[in-house]
PDB file of N, CA and C in Angstrom:
ATOM      1  N   UNK A   1      87.966 230.630  -2.109  1.00  0.00           N
ATOM      2  CA  UNK A   1      88.040 229.731  -0.980  1.00  0.00           C
ATOM      3  C   UNK A   1      89.389 229.918  -0.279  1.00  0.00           C
ATOM      4  N   UNK A   2      89.353 229.958   1.018  1.00  0.00           N
ATOM      5  CA  UNK A   2      90.567 230.045   1.828  1.00  0.00           C
ATOM      6  C   UNK A   2      90.910 228.649   2.323  1.00  0.00           C
ATOM      7  N   UNK A   3      92.169 228.232   2.084  1.00  0.00           N
ATOM      8  CA  UNK A   3      92.652 226.938   2.568  1.00  0.00           C
ATOM      9  C   UNK A   3      93.739 227.187   3.606  1.00  0.00           C
ATOM     10  N   UNK A   4      93.648 226.482   4.718  1.00  0.00           N
ATOM     11  CA  UNK A   4      94.632 226.616   5.798  1.00  0.00           C
ATOM     12  C   UNK A   4      95.283 225.255   6.046  1.00  0.00           C
ATOM     13  N   UNK A   5      96.601 225.251   6.217  1.00  0.00           N
ATOM     14  CA  UNK A   5      97.357 224.027   6.437  1.00  0.00           C
ATOM     15  C   UNK A   5      98.126 224.141   7.746  1.00  0.00           C
ATOM     16  N   UNK A   6      98.205 223.031   8.458  1.00  0.00           N
ATOM     17  CA  UNK A   6      98.952 222.982   9.728  1.00  0.00           C
ATOM     18  C   UNK A   6      98.446 224.078  10.674  1.00  0.00           C
ATOM     19  N   UNK A   7      97.166 224.030  10.953  1.00  0.00           N
ATOM     20  CA  UNK A   7      96.501 225.065  11.739  1.00  0.00           C
ATOM     21  C   UNK A   7      96.352 224.629  13.193  1.00  0.00           C
ATOM     22  N   UNK A   8      96.603 225.557  14.084  1.00  0.00           N
ATOM     23  CA  UNK A   8      96.299 225.339  15.495  1.00  0.00           C
ATOM     24  C   UNK A   8      95.490 226.538  15.987  1.00  0.00           C
ATOM     25  N   UNK A   9      95.308 226.675  17.262  1.00  0.00           N
ATOM     26  CA  UNK A   9      94.481 227.758  17.802  1.00  0.00           C
ATOM     27  C   UNK A   9      95.072 229.138  17.518  1.00  0.00           C
ATOM     28  N   UNK A  10      96.379 229.213  17.304  1.00  0.00           N
ATOM     29  CA  UNK A  10      97.047 230.502  17.155  1.00  0.00           C
ATOM     30  C   UNK A  10      97.298 230.901  15.712  1.00  0.00           C
ATOM     31  N   UNK A  11      97.634 229.927  14.856  1.00  0.00           N
ATOM     32  CA  UNK A  11      98.049 230.286  13.498  1.00  0.00           C
ATOM     33  C   UNK A  11      98.008 229.086  12.570  1.00  0.00           C
ATOM     34  N   UNK A  12      98.156 229.381  11.290  1.00  0.00           N
ATOM     35  CA  UNK A  12      98.334 228.367  10.261  1.00  0.00           C
ATOM     36  C   UNK A  12      99.731 228.552   9.685  1.00  0.00           C
ATOM     37  N   UNK A  13     100.403 227.452   9.377  1.00  0.00           N
ATOM     38  CA  UNK A  13     101.731 227.570   8.774  1.00  0.00           C
ATOM     39  C   UNK A  13     101.636 228.027   7.330  1.00  0.00           C
ATOM     40  N   UNK A  14     100.537 227.634   6.649  1.00  0.00           N
ATOM     41  CA  UNK A  14     100.296 228.024   5.265  1.00  0.00           C
ATOM     42  C   UNK A  14      98.839 228.452   5.133  1.00  0.00           C
ATOM     43  N   UNK A  15      98.610 229.549   4.415  1.00  0.00           N
ATOM     44  CA  UNK A  15      97.259 229.935   4.000  1.00  0.00           C
ATOM     45  C   UNK A  15      97.316 230.176   2.503  1.00  0.00           C
ATOM     46  N   UNK A  16      96.353 229.574   1.775  1.00  0.00           N
ATOM     47  CA  UNK A  16      96.298 229.735   0.324  1.00  0.00           C
ATOM     48  C   UNK A  16      94.935 230.330  -0.035  1.00  0.00           C
ATOM     49  N   UNK A  17      94.962 231.389  -0.847  1.00  0.00           N
ATOM     50  CA  UNK A  17      93.728 232.077  -1.242  1.00  0.00           C
ATOM     51  C   UNK A  17      93.928 232.758  -2.584  1.00  0.00           C
ATOM     52  N   UNK A  18      92.984 232.553  -3.494  1.00  0.00           N
ATOM     53  CA  UNK A  18      93.008 233.231  -4.805  1.00  0.00           C
ATOM     54  C   UNK A  18      94.365 233.168  -5.498  1.00  0.00           C
ATOM     55  N   UNK A  19      95.005 232.014  -5.471  1.00  0.00           N
ATOM     56  CA  UNK A  19      96.269 231.849  -6.174  1.00  0.00           C
ATOM     57  C   UNK A  19      97.485 232.426  -5.470  1.00  0.00           C
ATOM     58  N   UNK A  20      97.315 232.793  -4.203  1.00  0.00           N
ATOM     59  CA  UNK A  20      98.430 233.345  -3.428  1.00  0.00           C
ATOM     60  C   UNK A  20      98.663 232.493  -2.189  1.00  0.00           C
ATOM     61  N   UNK A  21      99.932 232.274  -1.863  1.00  0.00           N
ATOM     62  CA  UNK A  21     100.338 231.489  -0.708  1.00  0.00           C
ATOM     63  C   UNK A  21     100.982 232.419   0.316  1.00  0.00           C
ATOM     64  N   UNK A  22     100.528 232.316   1.560  1.00  0.00           N
ATOM     65  CA  UNK A  22     101.084 233.096   2.661  1.00  0.00           C
ATOM     66  C   UNK A  22     101.683 232.117   3.664  1.00  0.00           C
ATOM     67  N   UNK A  23     102.957 232.281   3.972  1.00  0.00           N
ATOM     68  CA  UNK A  23     103.609 231.430   4.966  1.00  0.00           C
ATOM     69  C   UNK A  23     103.775 232.191   6.273  1.00  0.00           C
ATOM     70  N   UNK A  24     103.638 231.473   7.376  1.00  0.00           N
ATOM     71  CA  UNK A  24     103.957 232.085   8.663  1.00  0.00           C
ATOM     72  C   UNK A  24     105.470 232.258   8.733  1.00  0.00           C
ATOM     73  N   UNK A  25     105.949 233.018   9.679  1.00  0.00           N
ATOM     74  CA  UNK A  25     107.383 233.242   9.824  1.00  0.00           C
ATOM     75  C   UNK A  25     108.121 231.937  10.053  1.00  0.00           C
ATOM     76  N   UNK A  26     109.232 231.775   9.346  1.00  0.00           N
ATOM     77  CA  UNK A  26     110.047 230.570   9.459  1.00  0.00           C
ATOM     78  C   UNK A  26     111.389 230.902  10.101  1.00  0.00           C
ATOM     79  N   UNK A  27     111.797 230.063  11.019  1.00  0.00           N
ATOM     80  CA  UNK A  27     113.102 230.182  11.655  1.00  0.00           C
ATOM     81  C   UNK A  27     113.859 228.888  11.400  1.00  0.00           C
ATOM     82  N   UNK A  28     115.142 228.897  11.688  1.00  0.00           N
ATOM     83  CA  UNK A  28     115.948 227.707  11.453  1.00  0.00           C
ATOM     84  C   UNK A  28     116.784 227.353  12.661  1.00  0.00           C
ATOM     85  N   UNK A  29     117.403 226.195  12.573  1.00  0.00           N
ATOM     86  CA  UNK A  29     118.291 225.736  13.637  1.00  0.00           C
ATOM     87  C   UNK A  29     119.733 225.984  13.236  1.00  0.00           C
ATOM     88  N   UNK A  30     120.600 226.107  14.235  1.00  0.00           N
ATOM     89  CA  UNK A  30     122.024 226.301  14.003  1.00  0.00           C
ATOM     90  C   UNK A  30     122.582 227.328  14.954  1.00  0.00           C
ATOM     91  N   UNK A  31     123.882 227.396  14.982  1.00  0.00           N
ATOM     92  CA  UNK A  31     124.575 228.320  15.879  1.00  0.00           C
ATOM     93  C   UNK A  31     124.786 229.698  15.262  1.00  0.00           C
ATOM     94  N   UNK A  32     124.918 229.739  13.933  1.00  0.00           N
ATOM     95  CA  UNK A  32     125.238 230.995  13.257  1.00  0.00           C
ATOM     96  C   UNK A  32     124.066 231.440  12.391  1.00  0.00           C
ATOM     97  N   UNK A  33     124.089 232.699  11.987  1.00  0.00           N
ATOM     98  CA  UNK A  33     123.030 233.195  11.111  1.00  0.00           C
ATOM     99  C   UNK A  33     123.079 232.480   9.762  1.00  0.00           C
ATOM    100  N   UNK A  34     124.255 232.094   9.312  1.00  0.00           N
ATOM    101  CA  UNK A  34     124.381 231.349   8.062  1.00  0.00           C
ATOM    102  C   UNK A  34     123.657 230.008   8.171  1.00  0.00           C
ATOM    103  N   UNK A  35     123.917 229.259   9.228  1.00  0.00           N
ATOM    104  CA  UNK A  35     123.265 227.966   9.434  1.00  0.00           C
ATOM    105  C   UNK A  35     121.754 228.130   9.587  1.00  0.00           C
ATOM    106  N   UNK A  36     121.338 229.103  10.382  1.00  0.00           N
ATOM    107  CA  UNK A  36     119.911 229.310  10.601  1.00  0.00           C
ATOM    108  C   UNK A  36     119.204 229.755   9.322  1.00  0.00           C
ATOM    109  N   UNK A  37     119.846 230.604   8.530  1.00  0.00           N
ATOM    110  CA  UNK A  37     119.228 231.058   7.280  1.00  0.00           C
ATOM    111  C   UNK A  37     119.078 229.893   6.317  1.00  0.00           C
ATOM    112  N   UNK A  38     120.099 229.061   6.177  1.00  0.00           N
ATOM    113  CA  UNK A  38     120.003 227.892   5.290  1.00  0.00           C
ATOM    114  C   UNK A  38     118.851 226.982   5.711  1.00  0.00           C
ATOM    115  N   UNK A  39     118.750 226.698   7.007  1.00  0.00           N
ATOM    116  CA  UNK A  39     117.702 225.814   7.502  1.00  0.00           C
ATOM    117  C   UNK A  39     116.325 226.455   7.332  1.00  0.00           C
ATOM    118  N   UNK A  40     116.243 227.722   7.632  1.00  0.00           N
ATOM    119  CA  UNK A  40     114.990 228.467   7.490  1.00  0.00           C
ATOM    120  C   UNK A  40     114.503 228.427   6.042  1.00  0.00           C
ATOM    121  N   UNK A  41     115.382 228.684   5.099  1.00  0.00           N
ATOM    122  CA  UNK A  41     114.997 228.700   3.687  1.00  0.00           C
ATOM    123  C   UNK A  41     114.655 227.307   3.177  1.00  0.00           C
ATOM    124  N   UNK A  42     115.254 226.285   3.749  1.00  0.00           N
ATOM    125  CA  UNK A  42     114.881 224.916   3.430  1.00  0.00           C
ATOM    126  C   UNK A  42     113.442 224.649   3.881  1.00  0.00           C
ATOM    127  N   UNK A  43     113.073 225.171   5.028  1.00  0.00           N
ATOM    128  CA  UNK A  43     111.695 225.035   5.523  1.00  0.00           C
ATOM    129  C   UNK A  43     110.723 225.797   4.624  1.00  0.00           C
ATOM    130  N   UNK A  44     111.135 226.977   4.172  1.00  0.00           N
ATOM    131  CA  UNK A  44     110.308 227.741   3.231  1.00  0.00           C
ATOM    132  C   UNK A  44     110.085 226.911   1.970  1.00  0.00           C
ATOM    133  N   UNK A  45     111.149 226.311   1.433  1.00  0.00           N
ATOM    134  CA  UNK A  45     111.026 225.464   0.246  1.00  0.00           C
ATOM    135  C   UNK A  45     109.990 224.367   0.455  1.00  0.00           C
ATOM    136  N   UNK A  46     110.061 223.685   1.585  1.00  0.00           N
ATOM    137  CA  UNK A  46     109.135 222.579   1.859  1.00  0.00           C
ATOM    138  C   UNK A  46     107.688 223.054   1.925  1.00  0.00           C
ATOM    139  N   UNK A  47     107.459 224.165   2.611  1.00  0.00           N
ATOM    140  CA  UNK A  47     106.100 224.692   2.722  1.00  0.00           C
ATOM    141  C   UNK A  47     105.570 225.180   1.379  1.00  0.00           C
ATOM    142  N   UNK A  48     106.424 225.834   0.606  1.00  0.00           N
ATOM    143  CA  UNK A  48     105.998 226.290  -0.716  1.00  0.00           C
ATOM    144  C   UNK A  48     105.613 225.097  -1.596  1.00  0.00           C
ATOM    145  N   UNK A  49     106.418 224.051  -1.568  1.00  0.00           N
ATOM    146  CA  UNK A  49     106.111 222.847  -2.351  1.00  0.00           C
ATOM    147  C   UNK A  49     104.761 222.280  -1.932  1.00  0.00           C
ATOM    148  N   UNK A  50     104.540 222.178  -0.645  1.00  0.00           N
ATOM    149  CA  UNK A  50     103.271 221.656  -0.145  1.00  0.00           C
ATOM    150  C   UNK A  50     102.087 222.508  -0.608  1.00  0.00           C
ATOM    151  N   UNK A  51     102.300 223.806  -0.722  1.00  0.00           N
ATOM    152  CA  UNK A  51     101.235 224.736  -1.111  1.00  0.00           C
ATOM    153  C   UNK A  51     101.094 224.873  -2.622  1.00  0.00           C
ATOM    154  N   UNK A  52     101.951 224.201  -3.391  1.00  0.00           N
ATOM    155  CA  UNK A  52     101.869 224.285  -4.849  1.00  0.00           C
ATOM    156  C   UNK A  52     102.621 225.463  -5.434  1.00  0.00           C
ATOM    157  N   UNK A  53     103.715 225.841  -4.777  1.00  0.00           N
ATOM    158  CA  UNK A  53     104.502 226.989  -5.217  1.00  0.00           C
ATOM    159  C   UNK A  53     105.987 226.640  -5.153  1.00  0.00           C
ATOM    160  N   UNK A  54     106.827 227.588  -5.549  1.00  0.00           N
ATOM    161  CA  UNK A  54     108.282 227.407  -5.490  1.00  0.00           C
ATOM    162  C   UNK A  54     108.932 228.742  -5.144  1.00  0.00           C
ATOM    163  N   UNK A  55     110.212 228.704  -4.901  1.00  0.00           N
ATOM    164  CA  UNK A  55     110.931 229.950  -4.622  1.00  0.00           C
ATOM    165  C   UNK A  55     110.934 230.882  -5.830  1.00  0.00           C
ATOM    166  N   UNK A  56     110.751 230.362  -7.024  1.00  0.00           N
ATOM    167  CA  UNK A  56     110.655 231.200  -8.232  1.00  0.00           C
ATOM    168  C   UNK A  56     109.373 232.050  -8.230  1.00  0.00           C
ATOM    169  N   UNK A  57     108.395 231.639  -7.430  1.00  0.00           N
ATOM    170  CA  UNK A  57     107.087 232.302  -7.395  1.00  0.00           C
ATOM    171  C   UNK A  57     106.930 233.264  -6.220  1.00  0.00           C
ATOM    172  N   UNK A  58     107.987 233.493  -5.469  1.00  0.00           N
ATOM    173  CA  UNK A  58     107.886 234.389  -4.310  1.00  0.00           C
ATOM    174  C   UNK A  58     107.638 235.813  -4.783  1.00  0.00           C
ATOM    175  N   UNK A  59     106.608 236.412  -4.220  1.00  0.00           N
ATOM    176  CA  UNK A  59     106.242 237.790  -4.546  1.00  0.00           C
ATOM    177  C   UNK A  59     106.890 238.784  -3.592  1.00  0.00           C
ATOM    178  N   UNK A  60     106.907 238.440  -2.307  1.00  0.00           N
ATOM    179  CA  UNK A  60     107.433 239.349  -1.284  1.00  0.00           C
ATOM    180  C   UNK A  60     108.020 238.548  -0.133  1.00  0.00           C
ATOM    181  N   UNK A  61     109.040 239.103   0.481  1.00  0.00           N
ATOM    182  CA  UNK A  61     109.660 238.485   1.654  1.00  0.00           C
ATOM    183  C   UNK A  61     109.988 239.566   2.669  1.00  0.00           C
ATOM    184  N   UNK A  62     109.743 239.247   3.927  1.00  0.00           N
ATOM    185  CA  UNK A  62     110.156 240.103   5.036  1.00  0.00           C
ATOM    186  C   UNK A  62     111.131 239.293   5.872  1.00  0.00           C
ATOM    187  N   UNK A  63     112.286 239.865   6.122  1.00  0.00           N
ATOM    188  CA  UNK A  63     113.330 239.180   6.881  1.00  0.00           C
ATOM    189  C   UNK A  63     113.614 239.983   8.145  1.00  0.00           C
ATOM    190  N   UNK A  64     113.548 239.296   9.267  1.00  0.00           N
ATOM    191  CA  UNK A  64     113.868 239.904  10.558  1.00  0.00           C
ATOM    192  C   UNK A  64     115.184 239.322  11.043  1.00  0.00           C
ATOM    193  N   UNK A  65     116.099 240.186  11.408  1.00  0.00           N
ATOM    194  CA  UNK A  65     117.390 239.778  11.961  1.00  0.00           C
ATOM    195  C   UNK A  65     117.495 240.242  13.408  1.00  0.00           C
ATOM    196  N   UNK A  66     118.041 239.389  14.257  1.00  0.00           N
ATOM    197  CA  UNK A  66     118.270 239.789  15.639  1.00  0.00           C
ATOM    198  C   UNK A  66     119.350 240.866  15.718  1.00  0.00           C
ATOM    199  N   UNK A  67     120.273 240.835  14.755  1.00  0.00           N
ATOM    200  CA  UNK A  67     121.386 241.795  14.724  1.00  0.00           C
ATOM    201  C   UNK A  67     121.649 242.191  13.273  1.00  0.00           C
ATOM    202  N   UNK A  68     121.545 243.456  12.951  1.00  0.00           N
ATOM    203  CA  UNK A  68     121.796 243.900  11.583  1.00  0.00           C
ATOM    204  C   UNK A  68     123.232 243.632  11.148  1.00  0.00           C
ATOM    205  N   UNK A  69     124.115 243.407  12.092  1.00  0.00           N
ATOM    206  CA  UNK A  69     125.496 243.055  11.727  1.00  0.00           C
ATOM    207  C   UNK A  69     125.549 241.712  10.994  1.00  0.00           C
ATOM    208  N   UNK A  70     124.477 240.906  11.087  1.00  0.00           N
ATOM    209  CA  UNK A  70     124.397 239.633  10.380  1.00  0.00           C
ATOM    210  C   UNK A  70     123.870 239.772   8.950  1.00  0.00           C
ATOM    211  N   UNK A  71     123.545 240.995   8.543  1.00  0.00           N
ATOM    212  CA  UNK A  71     122.961 241.243   7.227  1.00  0.00           C
ATOM    213  C   UNK A  71     123.803 240.680   6.072  1.00  0.00           C
ATOM    214  N   UNK A  72     125.123 240.935   6.040  1.00  0.00           N
ATOM    215  CA  UNK A  72     125.926 240.398   4.930  1.00  0.00           C
ATOM    216  C   UNK A  72     125.924 238.859   4.884  1.00  0.00           C
ATOM    217  N   UNK A  73     126.036 238.208   6.027  1.00  0.00           N
ATOM    218  CA  UNK A  73     126.064 236.735   6.061  1.00  0.00           C
ATOM    219  C   UNK A  73     124.716 236.161   5.637  1.00  0.00           C
ATOM    220  N   UNK A  74     123.627 236.754   6.095  1.00  0.00           N
ATOM    221  CA  UNK A  74     122.300 236.304   5.692  1.00  0.00           C
ATOM    222  C   UNK A  74     122.131 236.486   4.189  1.00  0.00           C
ATOM    223  N   UNK A  75     122.568 237.637   3.654  1.00  0.00           N
ATOM    224  CA  UNK A  75     122.429 237.912   2.225  1.00  0.00           C
ATOM    225  C   UNK A  75     123.215 236.927   1.359  1.00  0.00           C
ATOM    226  N   UNK A  76     124.354 236.471   1.832  1.00  0.00           N
ATOM    227  CA  UNK A  76     125.120 235.474   1.073  1.00  0.00           C
ATOM    228  C   UNK A  76     124.288 234.221   0.850  1.00  0.00           C
ATOM    229  N   UNK A  77     123.619 233.760   1.886  1.00  0.00           N
ATOM    230  CA  UNK A  77     122.774 232.573   1.775  1.00  0.00           C
ATOM    231  C   UNK A  77     121.569 232.878   0.893  1.00  0.00           C
ATOM    232  N   UNK A  78     120.916 234.008   1.143  1.00  0.00           N
ATOM    233  CA  UNK A  78     119.738 234.401   0.359  1.00  0.00           C
ATOM    234  C   UNK A  78     120.086 234.496  -1.127  1.00  0.00           C
ATOM    235  N   UNK A  79     121.178 235.168  -1.446  1.00  0.00           N
ATOM    236  CA  UNK A  79     121.565 235.377  -2.845  1.00  0.00           C
ATOM    237  C   UNK A  79     121.831 234.054  -3.571  1.00  0.00           C
ATOM    238  N   UNK A  80     122.382 233.072  -2.864  1.00  0.00           N
ATOM    239  CA  UNK A  80     122.604 231.752  -3.459  1.00  0.00           C
ATOM    240  C   UNK A  80     121.303 230.976  -3.617  1.00  0.00           C
ATOM    241  N   UNK A  81     120.325 231.257  -2.758  1.00  0.00           N
ATOM    242  CA  UNK A  81     119.065 230.501  -2.724  1.00  0.00           C
ATOM    243  C   UNK A  81     118.038 230.999  -3.739  1.00  0.00           C
ATOM    244  N   UNK A  82     117.930 232.312  -3.889  1.00  0.00           N
ATOM    245  CA  UNK A  82     116.891 232.862  -4.777  1.00  0.00           C
ATOM    246  C   UNK A  82     117.352 232.719  -6.226  1.00  0.00           C
ATOM    247  N   UNK A  83     116.512 232.172  -7.097  1.00  0.00           N
ATOM    248  CA  UNK A  83     116.922 231.983  -8.498  1.00  0.00           C
ATOM    249  C   UNK A  83     117.175 233.324  -9.194  1.00  0.00           C
ATOM    250  N   UNK A  84     118.147 233.342 -10.078  1.00  0.00           N
ATOM    251  CA  UNK A  84     118.466 234.556 -10.840  1.00  0.00           C
ATOM    252  C   UNK A  84     117.223 235.028 -11.588  1.00  0.00           C
ATOM    253  N   UNK A  85     116.987 236.323 -11.529  1.00  0.00           N
ATOM    254  CA  UNK A  85     115.852 236.915 -12.207  1.00  0.00           C
ATOM    255  C   UNK A  85     114.534 236.777 -11.467  1.00  0.00           C
ATOM    256  N   UNK A  86     114.553 236.202 -10.273  1.00  0.00           N
ATOM    257  CA  UNK A  86     113.312 235.964  -9.512  1.00  0.00           C
ATOM    258  C   UNK A  86     113.291 236.689  -8.173  1.00  0.00           C
ATOM    259  N   UNK A  87     114.092 237.726  -8.024  1.00  0.00           N
ATOM    260  CA  UNK A  87     114.141 238.440  -6.743  1.00  0.00           C
ATOM    261  C   UNK A  87     112.776 239.052  -6.434  1.00  0.00           C
ATOM    262  N   UNK A  88     112.234 238.767  -5.251  1.00  0.00           N
ATOM    263  CA  UNK A  88     110.935 239.327  -4.872  1.00  0.00           C
ATOM    264  C   UNK A  88     111.087 240.725  -4.284  1.00  0.00           C
ATOM    265  N   UNK A  89     109.968 241.394  -4.061  1.00  0.00           N
ATOM    266  CA  UNK A  89     109.991 242.591  -3.228  1.00  0.00           C
ATOM    267  C   UNK A  89     110.444 242.113  -1.845  1.00  0.00           C
ATOM    268  N   UNK A  90     111.318 242.866  -1.186  1.00  0.00           N
ATOM    269  CA  UNK A  90     111.885 242.371   0.067  1.00  0.00           C
ATOM    270  C   UNK A  90     112.163 243.509   1.021  1.00  0.00           C
ATOM    271  N   UNK A  91     111.962 243.234   2.294  1.00  0.00           N
ATOM    272  CA  UNK A  91     112.335 244.164   3.356  1.00  0.00           C
ATOM    273  C   UNK A  91     113.120 243.379   4.397  1.00  0.00           C
ATOM    274  N   UNK A  92     114.050 244.057   5.053  1.00  0.00           N
ATOM    275  CA  UNK A  92     114.842 243.424   6.103  1.00  0.00           C
ATOM    276  C   UNK A  92     115.032 244.442   7.221  1.00  0.00           C
ATOM    277  N   UNK A  93     114.786 243.990   8.449  1.00  0.00           N
ATOM    278  CA  UNK A  93     114.918 244.891   9.593  1.00  0.00           C
ATOM    279  C   UNK A  93     115.406 244.107  10.803  1.00  0.00           C
ATOM    280  N   UNK A  94     115.869 244.839  11.781  1.00  0.00           N
ATOM    281  CA  UNK A  94     116.300 244.242  13.040  1.00  0.00           C
ATOM    282  C   UNK A  94     115.116 244.186  13.989  1.00  0.00           C
ATOM    283  N   UNK A  95     115.000 243.060  14.702  1.00  0.00           N
ATOM    284  CA  UNK A  95     113.909 242.901  15.662  1.00  0.00           C
ATOM    285  C   UNK A  95     114.322 241.923  16.754  1.00  0.00           C
ATOM    286  N   UNK A  96     113.701 242.054  17.899  1.00  0.00           N
ATOM    287  CA  UNK A  96     113.874 241.058  18.951  1.00  0.00           C
ATOM    288  C   UNK A  96     112.989 239.877  18.562  1.00  0.00           C
ATOM    289  N   UNK A  97     113.595 238.724  18.341  1.00  0.00           N
ATOM    290  CA  UNK A  97     112.849 237.544  17.905  1.00  0.00           C
ATOM    291  C   UNK A  97     112.317 236.780  19.108  1.00  0.00           C
ATOM    292  N   UNK A  98     111.448 235.807  18.856  1.00  0.00           N
ATOM    293  CA  UNK A  98     110.722 235.107  19.921  1.00  0.00           C
ATOM    294  C   UNK A  98     111.623 234.334  20.876  1.00  0.00           C
ATOM    295  N   UNK A  99     112.786 233.893  20.430  1.00  0.00           N
ATOM    296  CA  UNK A  99     113.714 233.168  21.289  1.00  0.00           C
ATOM    297  C   UNK A  99     115.083 233.813  21.248  1.00  0.00           C
ATOM    298  N   UNK A 100     115.779 233.794  22.364  1.00  0.00           N
ATOM    299  CA  UNK A 100     117.088 234.455  22.429  1.00  0.00           C
ATOM    300  C   UNK A 100     118.125 233.768  21.539  1.00  0.00           C
ATOM    301  N   UNK A 101     117.881 232.519  21.157  1.00  0.00           N
ATOM    302  CA  UNK A 101     118.810 231.799  20.284  1.00  0.00           C
ATOM    303  C   UNK A 101     118.511 232.019  18.802  1.00  0.00           C
ATOM    304  N   UNK A 102     117.396 232.662  18.490  1.00  0.00           N
ATOM    305  CA  UNK A 102     117.016 232.889  17.092  1.00  0.00           C
ATOM    306  C   UNK A 102     117.719 234.117  16.538  1.00  0.00           C
ATOM    307  N   UNK A 103     118.256 233.979  15.319  1.00  0.00           N
ATOM    308  CA  UNK A 103     118.997 235.061  14.682  1.00  0.00           C
ATOM    309  C   UNK A 103     118.303 235.611  13.443  1.00  0.00           C
ATOM    310  N   UNK A 104     117.398 234.810  12.822  1.00  0.00           N
ATOM    311  CA  UNK A 104     116.745 235.228  11.590  1.00  0.00           C
ATOM    312  C   UNK A 104     115.357 234.597  11.503  1.00  0.00           C
ATOM    313  N   UNK A 105     114.414 235.348  10.948  1.00  0.00           N
ATOM    314  CA  UNK A 105     113.071 234.846  10.670  1.00  0.00           C
ATOM    315  C   UNK A 105     112.657 235.403   9.307  1.00  0.00           C
ATOM    316  N   UNK A 106     112.045 234.543   8.484  1.00  0.00           N
ATOM    317  CA  UNK A 106     111.652 234.922   7.134  1.00  0.00           C
ATOM    318  C   UNK A 106     110.163 234.684   6.954  1.00  0.00           C
ATOM    319  N   UNK A 107     109.469 235.681   6.417  1.00  0.00           N
ATOM    320  CA  UNK A 107     108.046 235.593   6.107  1.00  0.00           C
ATOM    321  C   UNK A 107     107.904 235.774   4.595  1.00  0.00           C
ATOM    322  N   UNK A 108     107.170 234.854   3.945  1.00  0.00           N
ATOM    323  CA  UNK A 108     107.090 234.826   2.497  1.00  0.00           C
ATOM    324  C   UNK A 108     105.638 234.822   2.022  1.00  0.00           C
ATOM    325  N   UNK A 109     105.393 235.559   0.946  1.00  0.00           N
ATOM    326  CA  UNK A 109     104.151 235.502   0.190  1.00  0.00           C
ATOM    327  C   UNK A 109     104.526 235.116  -1.233  1.00  0.00           C
ATOM    328  N   UNK A 110     103.809 234.145  -1.800  1.00  0.00           N
ATOM    329  CA  UNK A 110     104.154 233.642  -3.128  1.00  0.00           C
ATOM    330  C   UNK A 110     102.897 233.371  -3.948  1.00  0.00           C
ATOM    331  N   UNK A 111     103.077 233.335  -5.245  1.00  0.00           N
ATOM    332  CA  UNK A 111     101.997 232.933  -6.147  1.00  0.00           C
ATOM    333  C   UNK A 111     101.982 231.412  -6.240  1.00  0.00           C
ATOM    334  N   UNK A 112     100.796 230.847  -6.434  1.00  0.00           N
ATOM    335  CA  UNK A 112     100.706 229.415  -6.704  1.00  0.00           C
ATOM    336  C   UNK A 112     101.291 229.213  -8.099  1.00  0.00           C
ATOM    337  N   UNK A 113     102.117 228.183  -8.260  1.00  0.00           N
ATOM    338  CA  UNK A 113     102.741 227.895  -9.553  1.00  0.00           C
ATOM    339  C   UNK A 113     101.669 227.553 -10.583  1.00  0.00           C
ATOM    340  N   UNK A 114     101.898 228.022 -11.797  1.00  0.00           N
ATOM    341  CA  UNK A 114     100.930 227.708 -12.858  1.00  0.00           C
ATOM    342  C   UNK A 114     101.484 226.694 -13.816  1.00  0.00           C
TER     343      UNK A 114
END
């Protein structure tokens, strides 16, 4: 069974299927990539909790940065956020994001917590 949460005509914020949780891309508020990454990951936490998962259950993450020069600052926040021993498969690339004020977007796939 496929379950969709917070669905509109364009997308669902969460899709859960066969014990796997898929989140739509999350962005955050703030002036700096550090602030936006912290807020973005807080939103990921909330959605994972709602879907019955946690950051310990993340299988894969894709991170888009508006500027690769922000990679070290984003990684500082990420490294503090991801639990030790739970690093997921991850990719990070530079991309033009949907808004000119956006610096980072994170897409996560996770297992449902058992």
